[in-house]
Structure formats: structure tokens, C-alpha cells
Amino acid sequence: LKADLDILGLLLLMLKDITPEHDSKLQQMIADLKDKFQHPINGNNKKVLIFTAFSDTADYLYEQLTEQIHRDCGMHVALITGSTDGKCTIPKFHLGFNEVLTYFSPQSKDRDALYPDAKEDIDVLIGTDCISEGQNLQDCDYLINYDIHWNPVRIIQRFGRIDRIGSKNAVIQLVNYWPDMELD
């Protein structure tokens, strides 16, 4: 037990050095998002859908991205996981599952009929696979898989949220973040 305690203590000490500033995967995604926002691929469409398999990763991404995107770009960010209805940067926004999806994809979800007074959109949606099936989110043209699920069908289901009949986008982009090749 003493040897295990020493190993765990060393691991905890090493983990203190891993901060968002040193998280190369997060920093790469920030760079990719900045590029997407500065160079949209369909007119002025800046919508991005970010998938991750785990709700704690989704929470981490929301914490790390929200303030910077909202402050620097004036865009709204939302979060949906299976354990929470959602979080959003739109003030006084009702955070129901369907409301978040409707504000993220207002054309495909016919928001004007449901919320005729709505003025703001959600531009970046971070979610888990709870939204990977049966959702029409084709207002978006850029999808990031922050992690790759072990089942390749999940990747197809995720991409199918934006690659749908009725999309007004001429081009859509899928971005996959692969695990480190040394990770076993």
C-alpha cells in the first residue's frame, strides 16, 4: 500500500503541470475554431458542433471555450449532455434540451414558428452522444469529434446530424481529433 501511495502521489504531482494552457489538444481546437470563425466555409456560417463521448470532457470544453468565444467573437456557446439539460451564454435562456437545439439550428428546427421573438442564436454547441441520433442540425456546417468513439458507427451518426437532406450548406467539414499514436 505504501508503494501504491507513493506512485499515486507522484501521479498527482505530475498532473498539476497539466493545465489548459498546456493541453495541446485543447489549444489545437482553439486554433481550428479561430480559423473557422475567421474563414467560414459557407457564406457567413460560423456554426460549430463539438462532440465528445464523456460529459466531464464536455463540461471541461465548455469551461475552457465559452468565455473566450463569447468575449472575443460575440458568439453564444451551449452545452448538452445526458446528465444536464444544458448550459448557455444567452442571458435568461430556458435551458431545455429542445430549446438549445432549436436555437442552435433555427432553420431546420423551425424556430420562427416556435419562438417568433427570438433574436439570438447559439453558434457553438458542445454535446455528448445524447444528440448523435435523430436530430436535424444541418444549419451547422462544421463538426468536430473531440474524441473518437470505439464504435465507428458513432462517428457516422455524429456526422449525420449536419450531413442531411435540406441542408443549405454547399460544403460541410468534419474534423477528427485522433488519440496520440503512443497511447495504448
Protein backbone atom coordinates (compact mmCIF):
# COMPACT_ATOMS: atom_id res chain seq x y z
CA LEU A 1 0.00 0.00 0.00
CA LYS A 2 2.86 2.38 0.74
CA ALA A 3 4.33 1.83 -2.74
CA ASP A 4 0.90 2.44 -4.32
CA LEU A 5 0.50 5.62 -2.27
CA ASP A 6 3.92 6.85 -3.44
CA ILE A 7 3.02 6.16 -7.09
CA LEU A 8 -0.34 7.92 -6.75
CA GLY A 9 1.35 10.87 -5.06
CA LEU A 10 3.80 11.14 -7.94
CA LEU A 11 0.97 10.95 -10.47
CA LEU A 12 -0.92 13.74 -8.68
CA LEU A 13 2.22 15.86 -8.64
CA MET A 14 2.71 15.31 -12.40
CA LEU A 15 -0.94 16.15 -13.11
CA LYS A 16 -0.54 19.61 -11.57
CA ASP A 17 1.52 20.59 -14.63
CA ILE A 18 -1.32 19.73 -16.99
CA THR A 19 -3.26 22.96 -17.31
CA PRO A 20 -5.48 24.17 -20.16
CA GLU A 21 -2.56 26.26 -21.43
CA HIS A 22 -0.51 23.05 -21.74
CA ASP A 23 -3.36 20.94 -23.15
CA SER A 24 -2.16 20.62 -26.76
CA LYS A 25 -5.42 19.05 -27.95
CA LEU A 26 -7.47 21.92 -26.50
CA GLN A 27 -5.07 24.51 -27.90
CA GLN A 28 -5.29 22.89 -31.36
CA MET A 29 -9.08 23.05 -31.20
CA ILE A 30 -8.96 26.73 -30.20
CA ALA A 31 -6.76 27.41 -33.23
CA ASP A 32 -9.13 25.45 -35.50
CA LEU A 33 -12.14 27.33 -34.14
CA LYS A 34 -10.47 30.71 -34.69
CA ASP A 35 -9.71 29.70 -38.27
CA LYS A 36 -13.31 28.57 -38.83
CA PHE A 37 -14.70 31.83 -37.41
CA GLN A 38 -12.33 33.95 -39.50
CA HIS A 39 -12.81 31.90 -42.68
CA PRO A 40 -16.33 30.43 -42.77
CA ILE A 41 -16.83 27.81 -45.48
CA ASN A 42 -20.44 28.71 -46.39
CA GLY A 43 -21.03 32.44 -46.57
CA ASN A 44 -21.04 33.73 -43.00
CA ASN A 45 -21.95 30.41 -41.35
CA LYS A 46 -19.84 30.16 -38.20
CA LYS A 47 -21.78 27.35 -36.50
CA VAL A 48 -19.74 24.54 -34.96
CA LEU A 49 -20.91 21.29 -33.37
CA ILE A 50 -18.39 19.66 -31.00
CA PHE A 51 -18.92 16.05 -29.92
CA THR A 52 -17.24 14.22 -27.08
CA ALA A 53 -18.05 10.85 -25.56
CA PHE A 54 -17.89 11.95 -21.93
CA SER A 55 -19.91 14.55 -20.05
CA ASP A 56 -16.93 15.59 -17.91
CA THR A 57 -14.95 16.31 -21.10
CA ALA A 58 -17.91 18.31 -22.44
CA ASP A 59 -18.01 20.30 -19.18
CA TYR A 60 -14.25 20.93 -19.44
CA LEU A 61 -14.56 22.16 -23.03
CA TYR A 62 -17.47 24.42 -22.10
CA GLU A 63 -15.46 25.88 -19.21
CA GLN A 64 -12.40 26.48 -21.36
CA LEU A 65 -14.06 27.79 -24.54
CA THR A 66 -17.15 29.72 -23.51
CA GLU A 67 -15.74 32.95 -22.12
CA GLN A 68 -13.13 33.33 -24.85
CA ILE A 69 -15.57 32.68 -27.72
CA HIS A 70 -18.26 34.91 -26.22
CA ARG A 71 -15.85 37.73 -25.35
CA ASP A 72 -13.62 37.66 -28.45
CA CYS A 73 -16.16 36.71 -31.11
CA GLY A 74 -19.51 37.78 -29.64
CA MET A 75 -20.86 34.29 -30.27
CA HIS A 76 -23.01 32.16 -27.98
CA VAL A 77 -21.95 28.74 -26.75
CA ALA A 78 -24.13 25.98 -25.31
CA LEU A 79 -23.65 22.58 -23.70
CA ILE A 80 -25.85 19.49 -23.75
CA THR A 81 -25.00 16.19 -22.07
CA GLY A 82 -27.07 13.27 -20.92
CA SER A 83 -26.67 14.43 -17.32
CA THR A 84 -27.80 18.03 -17.84
CA ASP A 85 -30.38 19.77 -19.99
CA GLY A 86 -27.82 22.37 -20.88
CA LYS A 87 -25.82 25.49 -20.24
CA CYS A 88 -25.77 28.54 -22.47
CA THR A 89 -24.31 32.05 -22.68
CA ILE A 90 -27.60 33.62 -23.79
CA PRO A 91 -28.89 35.51 -20.73
CA LYS A 92 -32.17 34.33 -19.20
CA PHE A 93 -32.36 31.44 -21.66
CA HIS A 94 -34.57 28.44 -20.82
CA LEU A 95 -32.11 25.58 -20.86
CA GLY A 96 -34.26 22.71 -22.06
CA PHE A 97 -32.78 20.11 -24.40
CA ASN A 98 -35.08 21.02 -27.30
CA GLU A 99 -34.70 24.78 -26.80
CA VAL A 100 -30.92 24.57 -27.00
CA LEU A 101 -31.08 22.52 -30.21
CA THR A 102 -33.68 24.88 -31.71
CA TYR A 103 -31.55 27.96 -31.03
CA PHE A 104 -28.50 26.18 -32.46
CA SER A 105 -30.26 25.10 -35.67
CA PRO A 106 -33.13 27.58 -36.09
CA GLN A 107 -33.93 26.86 -39.74
CA SER A 108 -34.04 23.08 -39.51
CA LYS A 109 -35.93 23.21 -36.19
CA ASP A 110 -38.39 25.90 -37.46
CA ARG A 111 -37.59 28.27 -34.60
CA ASP A 112 -39.55 31.18 -36.09
CA ALA A 113 -42.80 29.26 -35.60
CA LEU A 114 -41.92 28.22 -32.05
CA TYR A 115 -40.20 31.38 -30.81
CA PRO A 116 -41.17 34.26 -33.10
CA ASP A 117 -39.47 36.85 -30.86
CA ALA A 118 -36.10 35.04 -30.78
CA LYS A 119 -33.19 37.27 -31.71
CA GLU A 120 -30.06 35.35 -30.74
CA ASP A 121 -28.56 32.11 -31.98
CA ILE A 122 -26.34 29.54 -30.36
CA ASP A 123 -23.24 29.38 -32.56
CA VAL A 124 -21.18 26.66 -30.90
CA LEU A 125 -22.78 23.56 -29.39
CA ILE A 126 -20.78 21.15 -27.26
CA GLY A 127 -22.50 17.83 -26.71
CA THR A 128 -22.24 14.16 -25.99
CA ASP A 129 -23.75 11.33 -28.00
CA CYS A 130 -27.13 12.10 -26.43
CA ILE A 131 -27.64 14.29 -29.53
CA SER A 132 -25.94 11.98 -32.05
CA GLU A 133 -29.12 10.30 -33.27
CA GLY A 134 -32.37 11.65 -34.67
CA GLN A 135 -31.53 15.36 -34.55
CA ASN A 136 -31.67 17.72 -37.54
CA LEU A 137 -28.86 20.20 -37.00
CA GLN A 138 -28.00 20.93 -40.62
CA ASP A 139 -27.80 24.70 -40.12
CA CYS A 140 -24.28 23.84 -38.93
CA ASP A 141 -21.54 23.12 -41.47
CA TYR A 142 -18.58 22.21 -39.22
CA LEU A 143 -18.43 19.24 -36.83
CA ILE A 144 -15.56 18.35 -34.51
CA ASN A 145 -15.13 14.91 -32.95
CA TYR A 146 -13.01 15.83 -29.94
CA ASP A 147 -12.62 12.17 -29.20
CA ILE A 148 -13.14 9.12 -31.34
CA HIS A 149 -15.63 6.56 -30.09
CA TRP A 150 -14.55 2.92 -30.27
CA ASN A 151 -17.60 2.18 -32.44
CA PRO A 152 -17.14 3.75 -35.91
CA VAL A 153 -20.93 3.87 -36.38
CA ARG A 154 -20.99 6.63 -33.73
CA ILE A 155 -18.79 8.80 -35.96
CA ILE A 156 -21.22 8.30 -38.83
CA GLN A 157 -24.19 9.11 -36.56
CA ARG A 158 -22.49 12.26 -35.29
CA PHE A 159 -21.69 13.46 -38.80
CA GLY A 160 -25.23 12.64 -39.86
CA ARG A 161 -26.51 15.49 -37.66
CA ILE A 162 -25.23 18.05 -40.18
CA ASP A 163 -24.94 15.95 -43.36
CA ARG A 164 -28.66 15.84 -44.03
CA ILE A 165 -31.19 16.42 -46.75
CA GLY A 166 -32.38 20.01 -46.61
CA SER A 167 -29.01 21.50 -45.72
CA LYS A 168 -28.44 24.90 -47.26
CA ASN A 169 -24.66 24.44 -46.98
CA ALA A 170 -22.72 23.75 -50.18
CA VAL A 171 -19.84 22.25 -48.18
CA ILE A 172 -19.60 20.64 -44.76
CA GLN A 173 -16.47 19.89 -42.78
CA LEU A 174 -15.75 17.01 -40.40
CA VAL A 175 -12.73 17.34 -38.09
CA ASN A 176 -11.49 14.37 -36.06
CA TYR A 177 -9.02 14.61 -33.20
CA TRP A 178 -7.22 11.29 -33.06
CA PRO A 179 -5.59 9.92 -29.92
CA ASP A 180 -1.86 10.20 -29.55
CA MET A 181 -0.19 7.38 -31.50
CA GLU A 182 1.76 6.41 -28.38
CA LEU A 183 -1.46 5.98 -26.36
CA ASP A 184 -2.24 2.32 -25.85
